Amino acid sequence: MVELKKQMANKLLDSVKVTDDVTGEVYYEIDLLSRDDLIQTFVEIEPVSTDDFLKIKETLSRVGIANRKKKELHPSCLILHKKGKYYITHFLELYGLDAKETEMTLDDYARRNHIAKLLESWNLIKIANRDIMHSLIEEVPINVYVLPYKDKKDWTICNKYKIGEIKEYIKEGNK
């Protein structure tokens, strides 16, 4: 697994700090990166209508890391509309866009890519820059839970980033 992660780190864009979740080993790090360069590392999707944008946004609010005992869900990704383009981004990438220090792991990239592929398999999006999603990433185990819409009212959605808000951590109850 470590060798696989090292291979993947060599294939990722020169964009952010990439670490191993288990050992904490840093594979790659760039200190200064322009906002435009950072945006180039996001998963771009083909333009969507306003209705589709809202469907994707709502769906992404129900996909992430779950604590089933507490019935809490931590969404991993968001949809971003920037300069006329649309992107599926991990919330940590958005911290970087806000010029906050952030650290993406290979598992974070794998989760983002897996979620983008899920959305595409459900015909909600079409990925425009598939080359950003290295094929080796598919071999990394993914921990993603999809909360059924009918169960959303019984769970608490804990957003770690919310577009347009400055707070570091936002806890949103959906009762």
Protein backbone atom coordinates (compact mmCIF):
# COMPACT_ATOMS: atom_id res chain seq x y z
CA MET A 1 0.00 0.00 0.00
CA VAL A 2 2.81 2.46 0.86
CA GLU A 3 4.50 1.81 -2.50
CA LEU A 4 1.19 2.42 -4.29
CA LYS A 5 0.76 5.72 -2.45
CA LYS A 6 4.31 6.78 -3.38
CA GLN A 7 3.57 6.05 -7.04
CA MET A 8 0.37 8.07 -6.84
CA ALA A 9 2.09 11.02 -5.16
CA ASN A 10 4.56 11.20 -8.05
CA LYS A 11 1.63 11.40 -10.48
CA LEU A 12 -0.32 14.15 -8.66
CA LEU A 13 0.03 17.73 -9.78
CA ASP A 14 2.60 19.95 -8.09
CA SER A 15 -0.10 21.59 -6.04
CA VAL A 16 -0.35 20.79 -2.34
CA LYS A 17 1.16 18.89 0.55
CA VAL A 18 0.48 15.18 0.11
CA THR A 19 0.95 12.86 3.09
CA ASP A 20 0.43 9.23 3.97
CA ASP A 21 -2.52 8.85 6.39
CA VAL A 22 -0.82 6.09 8.38
CA THR A 23 2.81 7.16 8.64
CA GLY A 24 2.38 10.91 8.17
CA GLU A 25 5.24 10.82 5.65
CA VAL A 26 5.18 13.86 3.36
CA TYR A 27 5.45 12.84 -0.29
CA TYR A 28 5.19 16.20 -1.96
CA GLU A 29 4.81 19.82 -0.90
CA ILE A 30 4.62 23.17 -2.66
CA ASP A 31 4.62 26.22 -0.40
CA LEU A 32 3.41 28.95 -2.74
CA LEU A 33 0.72 28.33 -5.29
CA SER A 34 -1.49 30.81 -7.08
CA ARG A 35 -5.27 30.49 -6.80
CA ASP A 36 -5.47 29.75 -10.53
CA ASP A 37 -2.89 26.97 -10.22
CA LEU A 38 -4.76 25.47 -7.27
CA ILE A 39 -8.04 25.52 -9.21
CA GLN A 40 -6.32 23.48 -11.94
CA THR A 41 -6.05 20.59 -9.44
CA PHE A 42 -9.84 20.43 -8.88
CA VAL A 43 -12.09 17.95 -10.70
CA GLU A 44 -13.73 20.05 -13.41
CA ILE A 45 -17.17 19.06 -14.61
CA GLU A 46 -19.10 20.14 -17.67
CA PRO A 47 -21.41 23.13 -17.18
CA VAL A 48 -24.72 22.37 -15.47
CA SER A 49 -28.09 24.11 -15.27
CA THR A 50 -29.24 25.89 -12.10
CA ASP A 51 -31.56 22.96 -11.30
CA ASP A 52 -28.75 20.43 -11.80
CA PHE A 53 -26.39 22.55 -9.67
CA LEU A 54 -28.88 22.42 -6.79
CA LYS A 55 -29.38 18.64 -7.20
CA ILE A 56 -25.62 18.08 -7.14
CA LYS A 57 -25.20 20.36 -4.12
CA GLU A 58 -27.93 18.53 -2.21
CA THR A 59 -26.56 15.11 -3.16
CA LEU A 60 -23.04 16.07 -2.06
CA SER A 61 -24.45 17.14 1.31
CA ARG A 62 -25.37 13.46 1.85
CA VAL A 63 -22.04 11.87 0.80
CA GLY A 64 -19.05 11.64 3.11
CA ILE A 65 -17.73 10.12 6.32
CA ALA A 66 -20.43 8.79 8.66
CA ASN A 67 -20.64 8.08 12.35
CA ARG A 68 -23.59 5.69 12.30
CA LYS A 69 -23.88 5.46 16.10
CA LYS A 70 -24.29 9.23 16.48
CA LYS A 71 -26.09 9.55 13.12
CA GLU A 72 -23.67 12.25 12.00
CA LEU A 73 -22.43 12.74 8.46
CA HIS A 74 -19.37 14.80 7.50
CA PRO A 75 -19.71 15.66 3.79
CA SER A 76 -16.38 15.45 1.97
CA CYS A 77 -17.02 17.39 -1.25
CA LEU A 78 -18.77 20.46 -2.56
CA ILE A 79 -19.62 21.85 -5.98
CA LEU A 80 -17.88 25.11 -6.82
CA HIS A 81 -18.76 27.58 -9.58
CA LYS A 82 -15.74 29.76 -10.31
CA LYS A 83 -14.98 31.91 -13.37
CA GLY A 84 -17.70 30.27 -15.45
CA LYS A 85 -16.54 26.72 -14.69
CA TYR A 86 -17.83 24.06 -12.30
CA TYR A 87 -15.74 21.84 -10.04
CA ILE A 88 -16.15 19.01 -7.54
CA THR A 89 -13.77 19.84 -4.70
CA HIS A 90 -12.77 18.33 -1.38
CA PHE A 91 -13.51 20.78 1.44
CA LEU A 92 -9.78 20.92 2.27
CA GLU A 93 -9.06 22.21 -1.24
CA LEU A 94 -11.42 25.11 -0.54
CA TYR A 95 -9.46 26.00 2.60
CA GLY A 96 -6.43 26.25 0.33
CA LEU A 97 -8.39 28.50 -2.03
CA ASP A 98 -9.11 30.74 0.97
CA ALA A 99 -5.32 30.91 1.58
CA LYS A 100 -5.58 28.86 4.78
CA GLU A 101 -2.96 26.22 5.51
CA THR A 102 -4.29 22.83 4.51
CA GLU A 103 -3.00 19.32 4.03
CA MET A 104 -4.61 16.88 1.62
CA THR A 105 -3.82 13.18 2.01
CA LEU A 106 -3.89 10.62 -0.76
CA ASP A 107 -7.04 9.24 0.84
CA ASP A 108 -8.65 12.70 0.55
CA TYR A 109 -7.85 12.77 -3.18
CA ALA A 110 -9.14 9.22 -3.56
CA ARG A 111 -12.38 10.10 -1.75
CA ARG A 112 -12.90 13.22 -3.91
CA ASN A 113 -12.31 11.26 -7.11
CA HIS A 114 -14.55 8.40 -5.97
CA ILE A 115 -17.38 10.82 -5.16
CA ALA A 116 -17.00 12.54 -8.55
CA LYS A 117 -17.18 9.14 -10.26
CA LEU A 118 -20.29 8.25 -8.22
CA LEU A 119 -22.00 11.46 -9.35
CA GLU A 120 -21.06 10.65 -12.93
CA SER A 121 -22.38 7.08 -12.64
CA TRP A 122 -25.69 8.55 -11.40
CA ASN A 123 -25.74 10.82 -14.51
CA LEU A 124 -25.59 13.98 -12.40
CA ILE A 125 -22.29 15.23 -13.86
CA LYS A 126 -19.83 14.63 -16.67
CA ILE A 127 -16.16 14.93 -15.68
CA ALA A 128 -14.32 17.31 -18.01
CA ASN A 129 -10.70 16.80 -16.88
CA ARG A 130 -10.48 13.08 -16.24
CA ASP A 131 -6.67 13.27 -16.52
CA ILE A 132 -6.56 14.83 -13.03
CA MET A 133 -7.89 11.53 -11.64
CA HIS A 134 -4.98 9.12 -11.79
CA SER A 135 -5.96 5.48 -12.38
CA LEU A 136 -3.88 4.23 -9.43
CA ILE A 137 -6.24 6.08 -7.10
CA GLU A 138 -8.86 3.38 -7.71
CA GLU A 139 -6.75 0.90 -5.76
CA VAL A 140 -6.92 2.94 -2.53
CA PRO A 141 -9.70 1.76 -0.19
CA ILE A 142 -12.45 4.38 0.01
CA ASN A 143 -14.52 5.16 3.11
CA VAL A 144 -17.63 6.95 1.81
CA TYR A 145 -21.20 6.73 3.03
CA VAL A 146 -24.19 7.81 0.95
CA LEU A 147 -27.02 8.88 3.22
CA PRO A 148 -30.40 8.07 1.63
CA TYR A 149 -32.52 11.20 1.12
CA LYS A 150 -35.40 9.68 3.11
CA ASP A 151 -33.10 9.31 6.16
CA LYS A 152 -31.59 12.83 6.03
CA LYS A 153 -34.05 14.25 8.57
CA ASP A 154 -32.84 11.73 11.18
CA TRP A 155 -29.15 12.64 10.82
CA THR A 156 -26.99 15.65 11.67
CA ILE A 157 -24.96 17.00 8.76
CA CYS A 158 -21.65 18.41 10.04
CA ASN A 159 -20.10 20.65 7.38
CA LYS A 160 -16.44 21.48 7.87
CA TYR A 161 -16.62 24.09 5.10
CA LYS A 162 -19.52 26.03 3.71
CA ILE A 163 -19.06 28.16 0.61
CA GLY A 164 -19.67 31.82 1.39
CA GLU A 165 -19.17 31.54 5.15
CA ILE A 166 -16.04 32.37 7.10
CA LYS A 167 -16.50 30.03 10.10
CA GLU A 168 -13.93 27.25 10.54
CA TYR A 169 -16.47 24.58 11.47
CA ILE A 170 -20.20 24.74 10.92
CA LYS A 171 -22.50 22.22 12.53
CA GLU A 172 -25.89 22.16 10.86
CA GLY A 173 -28.71 20.11 12.37
CA ASN A 174 -31.31 18.85 9.93
CA LYS A 175 -34.25 18.05 12.15
